[in-house]
Protein backbone atom coordinates (compact mmCIF):
# COMPACT_ATOMS: atom_id res chain seq x y z
CA MET A 1 28.12 -19.56 10.91
CA SER A 2 24.69 -21.36 9.88
CA ASP A 3 26.65 -24.32 9.13
CA ASN A 4 27.36 -24.50 13.09
CA TYR A 5 23.12 -24.89 13.58
CA ASN A 6 20.98 -27.57 13.18
CA PHE A 7 17.28 -25.36 12.76
CA ASP A 8 14.72 -28.15 12.59
CA ASP A 9 13.37 -27.03 15.92
CA ILE A 10 12.78 -23.35 14.76
CA ARG A 11 12.53 -23.60 10.99
CA PRO A 12 9.18 -23.58 8.89
CA TYR A 13 8.11 -26.43 7.21
CA TYR A 14 10.27 -27.15 3.62
CA ASP A 15 8.25 -27.02 0.62
CA HIS A 16 8.59 -30.86 0.24
CA GLU A 17 7.05 -31.23 3.52
CA ALA A 18 4.09 -29.32 2.80
CA ARG A 19 1.58 -31.71 1.29
CA GLU A 20 2.13 -34.21 3.99
CA VAL A 21 1.43 -31.66 6.57
CA MET A 22 -1.51 -30.00 4.58
CA GLN A 23 -3.12 -33.54 4.52
CA ARG A 24 -2.68 -33.83 8.31
CA ILE A 25 -4.02 -30.30 8.91
CA LYS A 26 -7.37 -31.24 6.59
CA LYS A 27 -8.40 -33.93 8.77
CA ASP A 28 -8.33 -32.18 12.22
CA PRO A 29 -11.93 -30.92 13.00
CA ILE A 30 -10.64 -27.55 13.48
CA PHE A 31 -9.57 -27.07 9.94
CA MET A 32 -13.69 -26.95 8.89
CA GLN A 33 -14.40 -24.57 11.91
CA LEU A 34 -11.63 -22.13 10.56
CA VAL A 35 -12.95 -22.60 6.65
CA LYS A 36 -16.46 -21.70 7.95
CA ASN A 37 -15.38 -18.55 9.57
CA LEU A 38 -12.61 -17.56 7.20
CA TRP A 39 -13.82 -18.74 4.09
CA PRO A 40 -17.76 -18.65 4.44
CA SER A 41 -18.40 -19.06 0.97
CA MET A 42 -16.04 -22.25 0.62
CA THR A 43 -17.82 -25.78 0.49
CA GLU A 44 -16.40 -28.57 2.32
CA GLU A 45 -15.58 -29.93 -0.98
CA GLU A 46 -14.07 -27.12 -2.20
CA ALA A 47 -11.88 -27.03 0.82
CA PHE A 48 -10.70 -30.34 0.26
CA ALA A 49 -10.05 -30.13 -3.32
CA LYS A 50 -7.87 -26.84 -2.20
CA ALA A 51 -6.14 -28.69 0.25
CA ASP A 52 -5.06 -31.37 -2.27
CA LYS A 53 -3.55 -28.59 -4.40
CA VAL A 54 -1.07 -27.41 -1.76
CA ASN A 55 2.38 -28.80 -2.55
CA ASP A 56 4.44 -26.24 -1.30
CA ASN A 57 4.27 -23.23 1.24
CA MET A 58 3.49 -20.86 -1.04
CA ALA A 59 0.69 -22.62 -2.78
CA PHE A 60 -0.94 -22.68 0.95
CA GLN A 61 -0.56 -19.00 1.19
CA LEU A 62 -2.21 -18.64 -2.20
CA GLU A 63 -4.86 -21.03 -1.60
CA PHE A 64 -5.91 -20.37 1.61
CA MET A 65 -4.07 -17.41 3.62
CA HIS A 66 -4.36 -14.30 1.09
CA GLN A 67 -8.16 -15.05 1.01
CA ALA A 68 -8.32 -15.47 4.48
CA ILE A 69 -6.56 -12.29 5.52
CA ARG A 70 -8.61 -10.08 3.10
CA THR A 71 -11.66 -11.54 4.45
CA ILE A 72 -10.65 -10.16 7.92
CA VAL A 73 -9.50 -7.09 6.61
CA ALA A 74 -12.86 -6.83 4.54
CA ARG A 75 -14.79 -7.29 8.24
CA SER A 76 -12.95 -5.53 10.54
CA ALA A 77 -11.22 -2.42 8.79
CA ASN A 78 -12.82 0.36 6.79
CA GLY A 79 -10.13 0.21 3.95
CA LEU A 80 -6.26 -0.86 3.78
CA THR A 81 -3.71 1.50 1.65
CA CYS A 82 0.16 0.95 1.53
CA ASN A 83 2.93 2.99 0.00
CA GLY A 84 6.73 2.30 -0.23
CA PHE A 85 6.95 -0.97 -2.34
CA ASP A 86 8.96 1.01 -4.98
CA ASN A 87 11.77 1.10 -2.32
CA VAL A 88 12.38 -2.52 -2.50
CA ASP A 89 13.36 -4.90 -5.20
CA PRO A 90 11.20 -8.25 -5.72
CA ASN A 91 14.51 -10.29 -6.65
CA LYS A 92 16.02 -9.10 -3.25
CA ALA A 93 15.95 -10.46 0.30
CA TYR A 94 14.92 -7.95 3.41
CA LEU A 95 14.67 -7.70 6.69
CA TYR A 96 11.73 -5.87 7.67
CA ILE A 97 11.79 -4.61 11.05
CA ALA A 98 8.32 -3.55 11.81
CA ASN A 99 6.43 -1.67 14.72
CA HIS A 100 4.28 -4.14 16.23
CA ARG A 101 0.38 -3.58 16.84
CA ASP A 102 -1.47 -6.72 16.41
CA ILE A 103 -0.05 -10.27 17.24
CA LEU A 104 -1.28 -11.76 13.91
CA LEU A 105 -2.30 -8.86 11.52
CA ASP A 106 0.96 -6.88 11.32
CA SER A 107 3.03 -9.70 9.73
CA ALA A 108 -0.45 -11.15 7.69
CA ILE A 109 -0.87 -8.18 6.11
CA LEU A 110 2.43 -7.39 4.91
CA GLN A 111 2.05 -11.07 3.21
CA ILE A 112 -0.98 -10.30 1.33
CA LEU A 113 0.48 -6.80 -0.02
CA LEU A 114 3.86 -8.40 -0.93
CA VAL A 115 1.90 -10.80 -3.14
CA GLU A 116 -0.05 -8.19 -4.49
CA HIS A 117 2.79 -6.12 -5.59
CA GLY A 118 4.67 -9.10 -7.41
CA PHE A 119 6.98 -9.89 -4.36
CA LYS A 120 7.24 -13.48 -2.69
CA THR A 121 6.12 -13.89 0.98
CA SER A 122 8.63 -13.71 3.68
CA GLU A 123 9.31 -15.78 6.75
CA ILE A 124 7.83 -14.51 9.88
CA THR A 125 9.00 -14.77 13.49
CA PHE A 126 6.59 -16.16 16.08
CA GLY A 127 6.78 -16.82 19.82
CA ASN A 128 6.83 -20.27 20.94
CA ASN A 129 4.21 -19.15 23.56
CA LEU A 130 1.68 -18.94 20.58
CA MET A 131 2.76 -22.24 19.12
CA GLN A 132 0.10 -24.00 21.29
CA GLY A 133 -1.24 -27.55 19.96
CA ASN A 134 -0.07 -29.48 17.07
CA PHE A 135 -2.91 -28.09 14.99
CA ILE A 136 -1.59 -24.40 15.62
CA THR A 137 2.24 -25.24 14.85
CA ASP A 138 1.36 -27.01 11.58
CA PHE A 139 -0.82 -24.01 10.33
CA GLY A 140 1.91 -21.63 11.60
CA LYS A 141 5.01 -23.29 10.05
CA LEU A 142 3.24 -24.14 7.04
CA ASN A 143 2.51 -20.51 6.72
CA ARG A 144 6.17 -19.58 6.69
CA MET A 145 6.74 -18.99 10.57
CA PHE A 146 9.62 -19.82 12.30
CA THR A 147 9.71 -20.28 16.41
CA VAL A 148 11.33 -17.61 18.62
CA LEU A 149 12.07 -19.72 21.81
CA ARG A 150 11.43 -17.37 24.78
CA GLU A 151 12.49 -19.65 27.97
CA GLY A 152 15.31 -20.15 29.49
CA ASN A 153 18.09 -19.13 32.25
CA SER A 154 20.40 -16.27 31.01
CA ARG A 155 22.94 -18.93 29.48
CA GLU A 156 19.84 -20.82 27.59
CA LEU A 157 18.68 -17.16 26.35
CA TYR A 158 21.90 -16.17 24.82
CA GLU A 159 22.35 -19.31 22.95
CA ILE A 160 18.82 -18.82 21.63
CA SER A 161 19.70 -15.61 20.77
CA GLN A 162 22.82 -16.92 18.94
CA LYS A 163 20.81 -19.33 17.02
CA LEU A 164 18.06 -16.93 16.19
CA SER A 165 20.40 -14.60 14.57
CA ALA A 166 22.15 -17.30 12.57
CA TYR A 167 18.80 -18.58 11.13
CA ILE A 168 18.01 -15.11 10.29
CA ARG A 169 20.99 -14.32 8.40
CA HIS A 170 20.81 -17.68 6.81
CA THR A 171 17.36 -17.29 5.54
CA ILE A 172 18.17 -13.60 3.92
CA VAL A 173 21.87 -14.22 2.70
CA ASP A 174 21.69 -17.85 1.92
CA LYS A 175 18.17 -18.59 0.91
CA ASN A 176 17.37 -14.95 -0.45
CA VAL A 177 13.91 -15.05 1.57
CA SER A 178 12.88 -12.05 3.27
CA VAL A 179 11.95 -11.72 7.18
CA TRP A 180 9.15 -10.20 9.15
CA ILE A 181 10.67 -9.27 12.69
CA ALA A 182 8.91 -6.85 15.43
CA GLN A 183 11.05 -4.04 16.74
CA ARG A 184 10.67 -5.45 19.95
CA ASN A 185 9.34 -8.21 22.22
CA GLY A 186 5.62 -7.98 22.56
CA ARG A 187 3.34 -5.47 21.10
CA THR A 188 3.63 -1.79 21.50
CA LYS A 189 0.77 -1.34 24.49
CA ASP A 190 1.48 2.80 24.91
CA GLY A 191 1.70 3.97 21.47
CA ASN A 192 5.50 4.25 21.58
CA ASP A 193 7.07 2.44 18.87
CA MET A 194 10.86 2.42 19.78
CA THR A 195 13.10 -0.37 18.45
CA GLN A 196 14.87 -2.05 21.16
CA THR A 197 18.84 -1.85 21.03
CA GLY A 198 18.61 -5.91 22.17
CA LEU A 199 17.19 -6.58 18.71
CA ILE A 200 20.04 -5.40 17.00
CA LYS A 201 22.61 -6.86 19.12
CA MET A 202 20.90 -10.24 18.45
CA LEU A 203 20.87 -9.55 14.68
CA ASN A 204 24.55 -8.61 14.72
CA MET A 205 25.73 -11.93 16.70
CA SER A 206 25.89 -13.94 13.53
CA GLY A 207 27.74 -11.05 11.86
CA GLY A 208 31.70 -10.65 11.34
CA LYS A 209 33.67 -8.30 13.18
CA ASN A 210 32.72 -5.27 10.89
CA PHE A 211 29.39 -4.00 12.52
CA SER A 212 28.47 -2.34 9.07
CA ASP A 213 29.15 -5.18 7.00
CA SER A 214 27.26 -7.59 8.95
CA ILE A 215 24.04 -5.49 9.13
CA LYS A 216 24.53 -4.63 5.56
CA GLN A 217 23.87 -8.13 4.36
CA LEU A 218 20.61 -8.07 6.56
CA GLN A 219 19.42 -5.54 4.16
CA ILE A 220 17.20 -3.69 6.78
CA VAL A 221 14.04 -2.11 5.78
CA PRO A 222 11.69 -0.38 8.69
CA LEU A 223 8.00 -1.18 8.25
CA SER A 224 5.12 0.86 9.57
CA ILE A 225 1.72 -0.06 10.20
CA SER A 226 -0.72 2.14 11.75
CA TYR A 227 -4.30 1.23 12.49
CA GLU A 228 -6.94 3.95 13.10
CA TYR A 229 -8.35 2.28 16.03
CA GLU A 230 -5.37 -0.06 17.96
CA PRO A 231 -6.49 -3.55 17.93
CA CYS A 232 -6.84 -4.83 21.31
CA ASP A 233 -6.74 -1.34 22.74
CA ASP A 234 -8.93 -1.96 25.65
CA LEU A 235 -6.75 -5.21 26.40
CA LYS A 236 -3.65 -3.18 26.38
CA VAL A 237 -5.22 -0.20 28.57
CA GLN A 238 -6.26 -2.84 31.27
CA GLU A 239 -2.49 -4.60 31.05
CA LEU A 240 -0.76 -1.20 31.52
CA TYR A 241 -3.13 -0.26 34.60
CA LEU A 242 -2.53 -3.36 36.13
CA SER A 243 0.97 -3.26 35.58
CA SER A 244 1.06 0.16 37.36
CA LEU A 245 -0.06 -1.70 40.64
CA HIS A 246 1.92 -4.47 40.31
CA SER A 247 5.72 -4.94 40.04
CA LYS A 248 5.03 -7.54 37.09
CA TYR A 249 1.93 -8.38 35.03
CA VAL A 250 1.20 -12.22 34.71
CA LYS A 251 -0.84 -13.24 31.76
CA ALA A 252 -3.61 -15.27 32.28
CA PRO A 253 -4.20 -18.91 30.52
CA GLY A 254 -5.51 -18.52 26.95
CA GLU A 255 -4.83 -14.44 27.14
CA ASP A 256 -2.51 -14.54 24.19
CA LEU A 257 -5.07 -16.59 21.94
CA ASN A 258 -8.26 -14.07 23.34
CA SER A 259 -5.69 -11.27 21.88
CA ILE A 260 -5.38 -12.98 18.52
CA LEU A 261 -8.91 -13.63 18.31
CA THR A 262 -9.80 -9.73 19.57
CA GLY A 263 -7.38 -8.41 16.99
CA ILE A 264 -8.92 -10.39 14.24
CA MET A 265 -12.51 -9.48 15.04
CA GLN A 266 -12.45 -6.10 16.49
CA PRO A 267 -13.24 -3.10 14.15
CA LYS A 268 -10.05 -0.98 13.54
CA GLY A 269 -11.03 1.84 11.32
CA ARG A 270 -8.57 2.25 8.55
CA ILE A 271 -5.26 0.92 8.13
CA HIS A 272 -2.06 1.97 6.28
CA MET A 273 1.34 0.10 5.85
CA SER A 274 4.45 2.07 4.77
CA VAL A 275 7.43 0.43 3.45
CA GLY A 276 10.48 2.52 4.43
CA LYS A 277 14.16 2.36 2.29
CA PRO A 278 16.75 0.08 3.06
CA ILE A 279 19.32 1.26 5.67
CA ASP A 280 22.29 0.92 3.48
CA LYS A 281 24.12 4.29 2.93
CA GLU A 282 24.01 5.58 6.46
CA LEU A 283 25.96 2.50 7.43
CA LYS A 284 29.34 4.14 6.06
CA GLU A 285 28.56 7.23 8.61
CA ILE A 286 28.11 4.49 11.33
CA GLU A 287 31.21 2.67 10.76
CA LYS A 288 32.85 6.04 11.94
CA ILE A 289 31.80 5.35 15.09
CA THR A 290 34.20 3.67 17.34
CA ASN A 291 32.08 2.55 20.40
CA GLU A 292 29.78 -0.58 19.02
CA ASN A 293 27.05 0.19 21.30
CA GLU A 294 27.06 3.97 20.00
CA LYS A 295 26.87 2.18 16.69
CA ILE A 296 23.91 -0.01 17.86
CA LYS A 297 22.08 3.23 19.25
CA CYS A 298 22.65 4.95 15.88
CA LEU A 299 21.28 2.41 14.14
CA VAL A 300 17.96 2.12 16.41
CA ASN A 301 17.48 5.85 15.52
CA LEU A 302 17.96 5.44 11.76
CA ILE A 303 14.94 2.66 12.12
CA ASP A 304 12.68 4.57 14.40
CA GLU A 305 13.18 7.81 12.30
CA GLN A 306 11.68 5.98 9.44
CA LEU A 307 9.14 4.31 11.57
CA TYR A 308 7.79 7.56 13.05
CA ALA A 309 8.19 9.31 9.66
CA ASN A 310 5.92 6.64 7.63
CA TYR A 311 3.50 6.27 10.58
CA LYS A 312 0.48 7.32 9.26
CA LEU A 313 -1.72 9.75 11.83
CA TRP A 314 -5.46 9.51 12.04
CA PRO A 315 -7.91 11.92 13.38
CA VAL A 316 -8.11 10.08 16.56
CA ASN A 317 -4.60 10.62 17.16
CA TYR A 318 -4.64 13.99 16.90
CA ILE A 319 -7.91 14.47 18.95
CA ALA A 320 -5.83 12.59 21.44
CA SER A 321 -2.79 14.73 21.46
CA ASP A 322 -4.78 17.89 21.77
CA ILE A 323 -7.01 16.44 24.87
CA SER A 324 -3.54 15.18 26.35
CA ASN A 325 -2.07 18.74 26.08
CA ASN A 326 -5.27 20.64 26.73
CA THR A 327 -4.81 22.42 23.29
CA LYS A 328 -6.12 22.93 19.86
CA ASP A 329 -3.17 22.55 18.17
CA PHE A 330 -4.35 19.92 15.78
CA SER A 331 -8.10 21.12 15.50
CA SER A 332 -7.82 21.36 11.70
CA TYR A 333 -7.33 17.67 11.50
CA TYR A 334 -10.62 16.68 12.84
CA THR A 335 -14.25 17.83 13.51
CA SER A 336 -16.05 18.42 16.78
CA GLU A 337 -18.48 15.51 15.77
CA GLU A 338 -15.29 13.11 15.22
CA LYS A 339 -14.22 14.43 19.09
CA GLU A 340 -17.12 13.70 20.76
CA ASN A 341 -17.41 10.16 18.90
CA PHE A 342 -13.71 9.29 19.98
CA ILE A 343 -14.60 10.36 23.74
CA ASN A 344 -17.42 8.45 23.64
CA TYR A 345 -15.69 5.53 22.26
CA ILE A 346 -13.19 5.40 25.07
CA LYS A 347 -15.94 5.80 27.50
CA GLN A 348 -17.62 2.83 26.12
CA LYS A 349 -14.46 0.60 26.33
CA ILE A 350 -13.50 1.81 30.05
CA SER A 351 -17.04 1.13 31.10
CA LYS A 352 -16.06 -2.50 30.61
CA LEU A 353 -12.78 -2.41 32.55
CA LYS A 354 -11.56 -2.92 35.85
CA GLY A 355 -10.02 -0.04 37.57
CA ASP A 356 -9.98 3.85 38.30
CA GLU A 357 -11.96 5.49 35.51
CA GLN A 358 -9.62 8.36 35.34
CA SER A 359 -6.51 6.26 35.42
CA LEU A 360 -7.74 4.25 32.60
CA TYR A 361 -9.14 7.18 30.66
CA ASN A 362 -5.40 8.88 30.58
CA LEU A 363 -4.10 5.65 29.22
CA PHE A 364 -6.35 5.42 26.70
CA ILE A 365 -5.70 8.92 25.55
CA ASN A 366 -1.68 8.57 25.92
CA LEU A 367 -1.91 5.39 23.64
CA TYR A 368 -3.60 7.42 20.81
CA ALA A 369 -1.38 10.49 21.44
CA ASN A 370 2.18 8.98 21.54
CA PRO A 371 2.34 8.46 18.04
CA VAL A 372 1.82 12.30 17.64
CA LYS A 373 4.68 13.15 20.01
CA ALA A 374 7.08 10.59 18.61
CA LYS A 375 6.50 11.74 14.93
CA LYS A 376 7.03 15.86 15.93
CA LEU A 377 9.89 14.95 18.05
CA SER A 378 11.36 12.55 15.10
CA SER A 379 11.08 15.36 12.77
CA VAL A 380 12.91 18.13 15.39
CA GLN A 381 15.62 15.45 15.56
CA LYS A 382 15.79 15.17 11.95
CA ILE A 383 16.26 18.87 11.39
CA ILE A 384 18.56 19.04 14.22
CA LEU A 385 20.95 16.07 12.46
CA ASN A 386 20.60 17.60 9.13
């Protein structure tokens, strides 16, 4: 199916284009501003020398991006841990379907961990609303990001989905390159990490008539990222609050860029990433289902089951759950001091937001409590199914 498309408008840069693009990037004044911020110990001479070494996408990621993301993590987090890389093979390509909490860091953290565990980096989906300006577009596409187009009428959006599906399958099957994609459009803003059925429908567009064979080609691996303190939690709560007052939330100009910068700089406590197991053998059971929509729902449940099971809960999640339910069910997971600090943290955040304080407080609590609820529900469902 990929033979029917020209992917030039959405694909990352090819390796043979990397040197020319890097030379263009280094001449832009924004480049040295980034260097001073993300690579503070790097001189201008060293930055230009590194830029001259970039002859392919991977070189750009190793020379610049790896250290930059490690710097961001060191500045804004109290440690990064991971597990599950033994579930995947460095010689194979996978479709990492991930819960989505931060615009930039979710996929960026995967890239540094892939490299540090002996894997090649993946390609990354990136909304065209974020590809603002020539510099950001060059920077993103050199970092193996491919564009997800989000505007159009119903017919156009259907054709966009077909092309996106074909490109993802082409990347995994023909190029043997892994892909990171979020489980839904946009970040989770209420702590509920639920995979959208529309994502699976899109992925299946480029497959054959047999649903299980089509999905098996993609080698889906659920990927869970858990931040102790939610990136942009105050911005998410503010958006949820305003959305509850109006039928549709309209983003202000530059809001996405502000979320990226806030997510980078805001303290996040501890971060954990967990790589799930490829969904493969389970597809034989799905094939027994006759209704395609039911097959899709079953696959979504399998993805979410791993996402919830592998999500790491922190003391703040247990505190929020107990506050939400007015119980002490999880009091053994936190101290009274941690509870007091978390409540003060929320109050400080709310003081800078617009709206009814109690409503904002409840939204904050739910944001941190919902992962506990989801994990408990997933465990119950798993017991029932087994």
